[in-house]
Amino acid sequence: MFAVIKTGGKQYRVAKDDVIVVEKLAGKAGDKITFDSLISSDGQALKIGAGAVKVTGELVETKKGEKVTVFKKRRRNTYRRKAGHRQAESHVKITAIG
């Protein structure tokens, strides 16, 4: 059984016991989170439509992701700028579909 959920402006295909990395969600580790599914399937039939099935998960942790380096340069002008960014992300374990 799988479902497609939408959070943080992105869509994720999930199944039971999957751990997904999504944009930062409010809450602490151990909190229960509920998502509406866009599509769900039990292997036989396909249910399409927002809110067809509820997907529940548990917030495992919230932390910063890997560092992305931003480097700007204009040749022959001695212009160089270097900056880094770490996006906050949440790890969610899917506990049940439906």
N, C-alpha and C. Protein backbone atom coordinates (compact mmCIF):
# COMPACT_ATOMS: atom_id res chain seq x y z
N MET A 1 0.85 -1.17 0.00
CA MET A 1 0.00 0.00 0.00
C MET A 1 0.89 1.23 0.00
N PHE A 2 0.53 2.22 -0.80
CA PHE A 2 1.28 3.47 -0.83
C PHE A 2 0.31 4.63 -0.96
N ALA A 3 0.84 5.82 -0.72
CA ALA A 3 0.06 7.05 -0.87
C ALA A 3 1.00 8.16 -1.33
N VAL A 4 0.42 9.17 -1.94
CA VAL A 4 1.17 10.36 -2.34
C VAL A 4 0.66 11.50 -1.48
N ILE A 5 1.57 12.14 -0.74
CA ILE A 5 1.19 13.26 0.13
C ILE A 5 1.89 14.51 -0.35
N LYS A 6 1.35 15.65 0.08
CA LYS A 6 1.94 16.94 -0.30
C LYS A 6 2.22 17.73 0.97
N THR A 7 3.46 18.18 1.12
CA THR A 7 3.83 19.04 2.25
C THR A 7 5.03 19.87 1.84
N GLY A 8 5.05 21.11 2.26
CA GLY A 8 6.17 21.99 1.93
C GLY A 8 6.27 22.30 0.46
N GLY A 9 5.17 22.21 -0.29
CA GLY A 9 5.18 22.51 -1.71
C GLY A 9 5.73 21.38 -2.57
N LYS A 10 5.98 20.21 -1.97
CA LYS A 10 6.51 19.07 -2.71
C LYS A 10 5.61 17.86 -2.46
N GLN A 11 5.68 16.90 -3.37
CA GLN A 11 4.89 15.68 -3.22
C GLN A 11 5.83 14.50 -2.95
N TYR A 12 5.38 13.59 -2.09
CA TYR A 12 6.19 12.44 -1.70
C TYR A 12 5.35 11.17 -1.82
N ARG A 13 5.95 10.11 -2.38
CA ARG A 13 5.30 8.79 -2.42
C ARG A 13 5.77 8.05 -1.19
N VAL A 14 4.84 7.65 -0.33
CA VAL A 14 5.20 7.04 0.94
C VAL A 14 4.50 5.70 1.12
N ALA A 15 5.10 4.86 1.92
CA ALA A 15 4.53 3.59 2.34
C ALA A 15 4.74 3.47 3.85
N LYS A 16 4.12 2.48 4.47
CA LYS A 16 4.25 2.30 5.92
C LYS A 16 5.71 2.03 6.28
N ASP A 17 6.16 2.62 7.36
CA ASP A 17 7.52 2.51 7.91
C ASP A 17 8.58 3.24 7.10
N ASP A 18 8.20 4.06 6.12
CA ASP A 18 9.16 4.90 5.41
C ASP A 18 9.56 6.08 6.30
N VAL A 19 10.80 6.52 6.16
CA VAL A 19 11.25 7.75 6.82
C VAL A 19 11.56 8.75 5.72
N ILE A 20 10.83 9.86 5.71
CA ILE A 20 11.01 10.87 4.67
C ILE A 20 11.57 12.15 5.27
N VAL A 21 12.28 12.90 4.46
CA VAL A 21 12.85 14.18 4.87
C VAL A 21 12.06 15.27 4.17
N VAL A 22 11.40 16.13 4.96
CA VAL A 22 10.54 17.18 4.42
C VAL A 22 10.97 18.53 4.96
N GLU A 23 10.36 19.59 4.43
CA GLU A 23 10.61 20.93 4.96
C GLU A 23 10.22 20.96 6.44
N LYS A 24 10.78 21.89 7.18
CA LYS A 24 10.58 21.94 8.63
C LYS A 24 9.09 21.99 9.00
N LEU A 25 8.71 21.10 9.93
CA LEU A 25 7.35 21.05 10.46
C LEU A 25 7.36 21.48 11.93
N ALA A 26 6.29 22.10 12.36
CA ALA A 26 6.18 22.53 13.75
C ALA A 26 5.96 21.31 14.64
N GLY A 27 6.57 21.31 15.79
CA GLY A 27 6.40 20.22 16.75
C GLY A 27 7.74 19.72 17.25
N LYS A 28 7.66 18.82 18.23
CA LYS A 28 8.85 18.23 18.82
C LYS A 28 8.94 16.76 18.42
N ALA A 29 10.09 16.16 18.68
CA ALA A 29 10.29 14.75 18.37
C ALA A 29 9.26 13.90 19.12
N GLY A 30 8.64 12.97 18.42
CA GLY A 30 7.63 12.12 19.02
C GLY A 30 6.21 12.57 18.76
N ASP A 31 6.02 13.78 18.23
CA ASP A 31 4.67 14.28 17.95
C ASP A 31 4.07 13.53 16.76
N LYS A 32 2.75 13.38 16.80
CA LYS A 32 2.01 12.74 15.70
C LYS A 32 1.64 13.81 14.66
N ILE A 33 1.77 13.44 13.39
CA ILE A 33 1.47 14.36 12.29
C ILE A 33 0.53 13.65 11.32
N THR A 34 -0.45 14.38 10.81
CA THR A 34 -1.41 13.81 9.87
C THR A 34 -1.33 14.55 8.54
N PHE A 35 -1.30 13.79 7.45
CA PHE A 35 -1.28 14.35 6.10
C PHE A 35 -2.51 13.86 5.35
N ASP A 36 -3.02 14.66 4.42
CA ASP A 36 -4.05 14.22 3.48
C ASP A 36 -3.35 13.65 2.26
N SER A 37 -3.86 12.56 1.74
CA SER A 37 -3.24 11.96 0.56
C SER A 37 -3.89 12.50 -0.71
N LEU A 38 -3.09 12.61 -1.76
CA LEU A 38 -3.60 13.00 -3.07
C LEU A 38 -4.03 11.76 -3.85
N ILE A 39 -3.23 10.70 -3.72
CA ILE A 39 -3.50 9.42 -4.37
C ILE A 39 -3.14 8.33 -3.38
N SER A 40 -3.91 7.25 -3.36
CA SER A 40 -3.56 6.11 -2.53
C SER A 40 -3.93 4.83 -3.26
N SER A 41 -3.20 3.76 -2.96
CA SER A 41 -3.45 2.48 -3.59
C SER A 41 -3.19 1.37 -2.59
N ASP A 42 -4.02 0.32 -2.66
CA ASP A 42 -3.83 -0.85 -1.81
C ASP A 42 -3.32 -2.04 -2.62
N GLY A 43 -2.87 -1.79 -3.83
CA GLY A 43 -2.38 -2.85 -4.69
C GLY A 43 -3.41 -3.30 -5.71
N GLN A 44 -4.68 -3.05 -5.43
CA GLN A 44 -5.77 -3.43 -6.33
C GLN A 44 -6.41 -2.19 -6.96
N ALA A 45 -6.94 -1.32 -6.11
CA ALA A 45 -7.66 -0.14 -6.58
C ALA A 45 -6.85 1.13 -6.29
N LEU A 46 -7.06 2.12 -7.11
CA LEU A 46 -6.38 3.41 -6.97
C LEU A 46 -7.41 4.45 -6.59
N LYS A 47 -7.21 5.14 -5.46
CA LYS A 47 -8.12 6.20 -5.03
C LYS A 47 -7.45 7.53 -5.32
N ILE A 48 -8.15 8.36 -6.06
CA ILE A 48 -7.61 9.66 -6.46
C ILE A 48 -8.48 10.76 -5.87
N GLY A 49 -7.84 11.80 -5.36
CA GLY A 49 -8.57 12.93 -4.81
C GLY A 49 -7.98 13.34 -3.48
N ALA A 50 -7.95 14.65 -3.26
CA ALA A 50 -7.39 15.16 -2.02
C ALA A 50 -8.22 14.68 -0.84
N GLY A 51 -7.54 14.17 0.16
CA GLY A 51 -8.22 13.70 1.36
C GLY A 51 -8.84 12.33 1.23
N ALA A 52 -8.46 11.56 0.22
CA ALA A 52 -9.02 10.22 0.04
C ALA A 52 -8.69 9.34 1.23
N VAL A 53 -7.47 9.43 1.72
CA VAL A 53 -7.01 8.62 2.85
C VAL A 53 -6.14 9.49 3.74
N LYS A 54 -6.22 9.30 5.04
CA LYS A 54 -5.35 10.00 5.98
C LYS A 54 -4.06 9.21 6.16
N VAL A 55 -2.95 9.93 6.16
CA VAL A 55 -1.64 9.32 6.38
C VAL A 55 -1.11 9.89 7.69
N THR A 56 -0.76 9.03 8.63
CA THR A 56 -0.24 9.49 9.91
C THR A 56 1.23 9.15 10.02
N GLY A 57 1.95 10.01 10.70
CA GLY A 57 3.37 9.81 10.88
C GLY A 57 3.83 10.32 12.22
N GLU A 58 5.06 10.03 12.55
CA GLU A 58 5.66 10.47 13.80
C GLU A 58 6.89 11.29 13.48
N LEU A 59 7.01 12.45 14.12
CA LEU A 59 8.16 13.32 13.90
C LEU A 59 9.36 12.73 14.62
N VAL A 60 10.35 12.31 13.85
CA VAL A 60 11.54 11.68 14.43
C VAL A 60 12.48 12.75 14.96
N GLU A 61 12.83 13.71 14.11
CA GLU A 61 13.72 14.80 14.54
C GLU A 61 13.63 15.95 13.57
N THR A 62 14.04 17.14 14.04
CA THR A 62 14.16 18.32 13.21
C THR A 62 15.57 18.83 13.36
N LYS A 63 16.25 18.99 12.24
CA LYS A 63 17.64 19.45 12.27
C LYS A 63 17.96 20.20 11.01
N LYS A 64 19.17 20.71 10.93
CA LYS A 64 19.62 21.40 9.74
C LYS A 64 20.16 20.40 8.73
N GLY A 65 19.92 20.67 7.46
CA GLY A 65 20.39 19.80 6.39
C GLY A 65 21.85 20.06 6.06
N GLU A 66 22.28 19.48 4.95
CA GLU A 66 23.66 19.67 4.53
C GLU A 66 23.89 21.09 4.05
N LYS A 67 25.13 21.53 4.13
CA LYS A 67 25.47 22.89 3.77
C LYS A 67 25.55 23.04 2.25
N VAL A 68 24.94 24.12 1.76
CA VAL A 68 25.02 24.48 0.35
C VAL A 68 25.89 25.73 0.26
N THR A 69 26.93 25.66 -0.54
CA THR A 69 27.84 26.79 -0.69
C THR A 69 27.43 27.62 -1.89
N VAL A 70 27.32 28.93 -1.67
CA VAL A 70 26.99 29.87 -2.74
C VAL A 70 28.25 30.68 -3.02
N PHE A 71 28.72 30.64 -4.26
CA PHE A 71 29.95 31.35 -4.61
C PHE A 71 29.69 32.20 -5.84
N LYS A 72 29.95 33.51 -5.71
CA LYS A 72 29.77 34.44 -6.82
C LYS A 72 31.13 35.00 -7.21
N LYS A 73 31.35 35.14 -8.50
CA LYS A 73 32.64 35.66 -8.97
C LYS A 73 32.44 36.37 -10.28
N ARG A 74 33.13 37.49 -10.43
CA ARG A 74 33.18 38.18 -11.72
C ARG A 74 34.64 38.20 -12.15
N ARG A 75 34.89 37.60 -13.30
CA ARG A 75 36.28 37.46 -13.70
C ARG A 75 36.92 38.81 -14.00
N ARG A 76 38.19 38.84 -13.72
CA ARG A 76 39.06 40.00 -13.95
C ARG A 76 38.62 41.23 -13.15
N ASN A 77 37.86 41.08 -12.09
CA ASN A 77 37.41 42.23 -11.31
C ASN A 77 37.71 42.10 -9.82
N THR A 78 38.38 41.06 -9.39
CA THR A 78 38.65 40.81 -7.98
C THR A 78 37.36 40.86 -7.16
N TYR A 79 36.29 40.34 -7.71
CA TYR A 79 35.01 40.30 -7.01
C TYR A 79 34.70 38.84 -6.70
N ARG A 80 34.69 38.52 -5.41
CA ARG A 80 34.36 37.17 -4.97
C ARG A 80 33.52 37.26 -3.69
N ARG A 81 32.44 36.50 -3.66
CA ARG A 81 31.59 36.43 -2.48
C ARG A 81 31.28 34.97 -2.20
N LYS A 82 31.45 34.56 -0.97
CA LYS A 82 31.19 33.18 -0.60
C LYS A 82 30.23 33.17 0.59
N ALA A 83 29.17 32.40 0.48
CA ALA A 83 28.19 32.30 1.55
C ALA A 83 27.73 30.85 1.64
N GLY A 84 27.25 30.47 2.79
CA GLY A 84 26.74 29.12 2.97
C GLY A 84 25.33 29.17 3.54
N HIS A 85 24.59 28.08 3.33
CA HIS A 85 23.21 28.01 3.83
C HIS A 85 22.90 26.57 4.23
N ARG A 86 22.22 26.43 5.37
CA ARG A 86 21.75 25.11 5.82
C ARG A 86 20.25 25.21 6.07
N GLN A 87 19.47 24.48 5.28
CA GLN A 87 18.01 24.51 5.38
C GLN A 87 17.55 23.62 6.54
N ALA A 88 16.55 24.07 7.28
CA ALA A 88 15.97 23.26 8.36
C ALA A 88 15.07 22.19 7.74
N GLU A 89 15.19 20.96 8.23
CA GLU A 89 14.40 19.86 7.69
C GLU A 89 13.91 18.96 8.81
N SER A 90 12.80 18.29 8.56
CA SER A 90 12.22 17.37 9.54
C SER A 90 12.22 15.95 8.97
N HIS A 91 12.51 14.99 9.83
CA HIS A 91 12.48 13.58 9.46
C HIS A 91 11.18 13.00 10.04
N VAL A 92 10.36 12.42 9.16
CA VAL A 92 9.07 11.88 9.58
C VAL A 92 9.00 10.40 9.23
N LYS A 93 8.59 9.59 10.21
CA LYS A 93 8.39 8.16 9.97
C LYS A 93 6.90 7.91 9.79
N ILE A 94 6.53 7.32 8.65
CA ILE A 94 5.13 7.05 8.35
C ILE A 94 4.70 5.82 9.16
N THR A 95 3.65 5.99 9.99
CA THR A 95 3.21 4.91 10.86
C THR A 95 1.99 4.17 10.31
N ALA A 96 1.11 4.88 9.60
CA ALA A 96 -0.10 4.23 9.08
C ALA A 96 -0.64 4.98 7.87
N ILE A 97 -1.25 4.21 6.97
CA ILE A 97 -1.93 4.79 5.82
C ILE A 97 -3.38 4.30 5.89
N GLY A 98 -4.30 5.26 5.96
CA GLY A 98 -5.72 4.90 6.02
C GLY A 98 -6.23 4.74 7.43
